[in-house]
Amino acid sequence: MMTEEIKGNDIFLAETSIQKIGKSGFRGKSLALKKRLTKSLYTSEWEALLGLLKELREAQGLTQEQLAKKLGRPQSMVSKIEAGERKLDVVQFIDYLQILDADPVAAMRRLVRAIQKP
């Protein structure tokens, strides 16, 4: 059995633990979860997120180019995000909103209210 300790944590990665994933039925549960997740691209919910990001940028009086400079990225990245051609993960979403001086939690609440289904 190969075991490697990750420094600073009490987390161990063991070869046998990885093998147990298949035996525990975990993979079956993850497949079931995938079937329940909404495909977000090109939906009204996705459009609401894109609109929120653009609205927050404009509320700061920033152009895409100015925001890109603050992010240290090319303007095309901001354009692709706002056009829905590039996704942000949760960590990137938080960074993006903090650059816009927006509260990520408040923004997420706004988004959830906007997309809630009756």
Protein backbone atom coordinates (compact mmCIF):
# COMPACT_ATOMS: atom_id res chain seq x y z
CA MET A 1 0.00 0.00 0.00
CA MET A 2 1.43 3.40 -1.04
CA THR A 3 0.62 6.27 1.29
CA GLU A 4 1.74 9.88 0.88
CA GLU A 5 1.16 12.51 3.55
CA ILE A 6 0.20 15.99 2.35
CA LYS A 7 2.24 18.46 4.41
CA GLY A 8 0.38 20.61 6.91
CA ASN A 9 -2.77 18.49 6.87
CA ASP A 10 -3.98 15.26 8.37
CA ILE A 11 -5.03 14.15 4.90
CA PHE A 12 -3.59 10.99 3.46
CA LEU A 13 -3.79 9.75 -0.09
CA ALA A 14 -3.78 5.97 -0.11
CA GLU A 15 -3.88 3.72 -3.13
CA THR A 16 -6.36 1.45 -1.37
CA SER A 17 -8.71 4.38 -0.68
CA ILE A 18 -8.81 5.21 -4.38
CA GLN A 19 -9.66 1.58 -5.16
CA LYS A 20 -12.46 1.61 -2.56
CA ILE A 21 -14.29 4.38 -4.42
CA GLY A 22 -15.53 1.91 -7.00
CA LYS A 23 -16.52 -0.63 -4.32
CA SER A 24 -18.43 1.89 -2.20
CA GLY A 25 -20.87 2.80 -4.93
CA PHE A 26 -19.66 6.41 -4.89
CA ARG A 27 -19.33 6.49 -8.65
CA GLY A 28 -22.95 5.47 -9.05
CA LYS A 29 -24.01 8.31 -6.78
CA SER A 30 -21.95 10.83 -8.74
CA LEU A 31 -23.53 9.66 -12.00
CA ALA A 32 -26.99 10.09 -10.48
CA LEU A 33 -26.02 13.58 -9.34
CA LYS A 34 -24.81 14.50 -12.82
CA LYS A 35 -28.19 13.57 -14.26
CA ARG A 36 -29.90 16.05 -11.92
CA LEU A 37 -27.63 19.02 -12.59
CA THR A 38 -28.95 21.69 -14.93
CA LYS A 39 -27.07 22.21 -18.15
CA SER A 40 -26.54 25.92 -17.72
CA LEU A 41 -25.14 27.06 -21.05
CA TYR A 42 -27.53 29.04 -23.19
CA THR A 43 -30.34 29.02 -20.62
CA SER A 44 -32.19 31.95 -19.10
CA GLU A 45 -30.28 31.29 -15.87
CA TRP A 46 -26.97 31.56 -17.72
CA GLU A 47 -28.15 34.79 -19.35
CA ALA A 48 -29.03 36.15 -15.89
CA LEU A 49 -25.46 35.47 -14.70
CA LEU A 50 -23.94 37.13 -17.75
CA GLY A 51 -26.24 40.13 -17.32
CA LEU A 52 -25.26 40.43 -13.66
CA LEU A 53 -21.54 40.39 -14.47
CA LYS A 54 -21.98 43.08 -17.14
CA GLU A 55 -24.22 45.18 -14.88
CA LEU A 56 -21.69 45.07 -12.04
CA ARG A 57 -18.88 46.10 -14.40
CA GLU A 58 -20.90 48.97 -15.82
CA ALA A 59 -21.96 50.09 -12.32
CA GLN A 60 -18.27 50.67 -11.59
CA GLY A 61 -18.00 52.74 -14.77
CA LEU A 62 -15.49 50.31 -16.25
CA THR A 63 -15.06 49.29 -19.85
CA GLN A 64 -14.14 45.70 -20.65
CA GLU A 65 -10.61 46.88 -21.34
CA GLN A 66 -10.32 48.64 -17.97
CA LEU A 67 -11.64 45.60 -16.12
CA ALA A 68 -9.26 43.34 -18.04
CA LYS A 69 -6.34 45.53 -16.99
CA LYS A 70 -7.40 45.23 -13.32
CA LEU A 71 -7.66 41.46 -13.74
CA GLY A 72 -4.29 41.31 -15.47
CA ARG A 73 -5.90 39.57 -18.44
CA PRO A 74 -6.64 40.48 -22.07
CA GLN A 75 -9.82 42.36 -22.91
CA SER A 76 -10.92 39.40 -25.01
CA MET A 77 -11.28 37.30 -21.84
CA VAL A 78 -13.77 39.76 -20.33
CA SER A 79 -15.61 39.87 -23.65
CA LYS A 80 -15.77 36.07 -23.81
CA ILE A 81 -17.04 35.87 -20.21
CA GLU A 82 -19.80 38.41 -20.85
CA ALA A 83 -20.72 36.72 -24.14
CA GLY A 84 -20.96 33.32 -22.43
CA GLU A 85 -18.08 31.86 -24.41
CA ARG A 86 -15.95 31.36 -21.31
CA LYS A 87 -17.08 30.10 -17.91
CA LEU A 88 -15.84 31.20 -14.51
CA ASP A 89 -15.40 28.70 -11.72
CA VAL A 90 -16.47 29.70 -8.21
CA VAL A 91 -13.03 30.96 -7.18
CA GLN A 92 -12.72 33.02 -10.36
CA PHE A 93 -16.26 34.37 -9.82
CA ILE A 94 -15.27 35.58 -6.34
CA ASP A 95 -12.04 37.18 -7.62
CA TYR A 96 -13.89 38.79 -10.53
CA LEU A 97 -16.49 40.35 -8.23
CA GLN A 98 -13.92 41.52 -5.70
CA ILE A 99 -12.07 43.34 -8.50
CA LEU A 100 -15.43 45.01 -9.23
CA ASP A 101 -15.76 45.97 -5.53
CA ALA A 102 -18.89 43.83 -5.39
CA ASP A 103 -19.82 41.49 -2.54
CA PRO A 104 -19.77 37.96 -4.03
CA VAL A 105 -22.35 36.70 -1.52
CA ALA A 106 -24.76 39.56 -2.23
CA ALA A 107 -24.26 39.07 -5.97
CA MET A 108 -24.97 35.34 -5.65
CA ARG A 109 -28.14 36.09 -3.69
CA ARG A 110 -29.27 38.46 -6.45
CA LEU A 111 -28.57 35.79 -9.02
CA VAL A 112 -30.44 33.11 -7.07
CA ARG A 113 -33.47 35.39 -6.69
CA ALA A 114 -33.36 36.17 -10.42
CA ILE A 115 -33.30 32.53 -11.48
CA GLN A 116 -35.52 30.93 -8.83
CA LYS A 117 -38.26 28.88 -10.38
CA PRO A 118 -41.71 29.15 -8.79
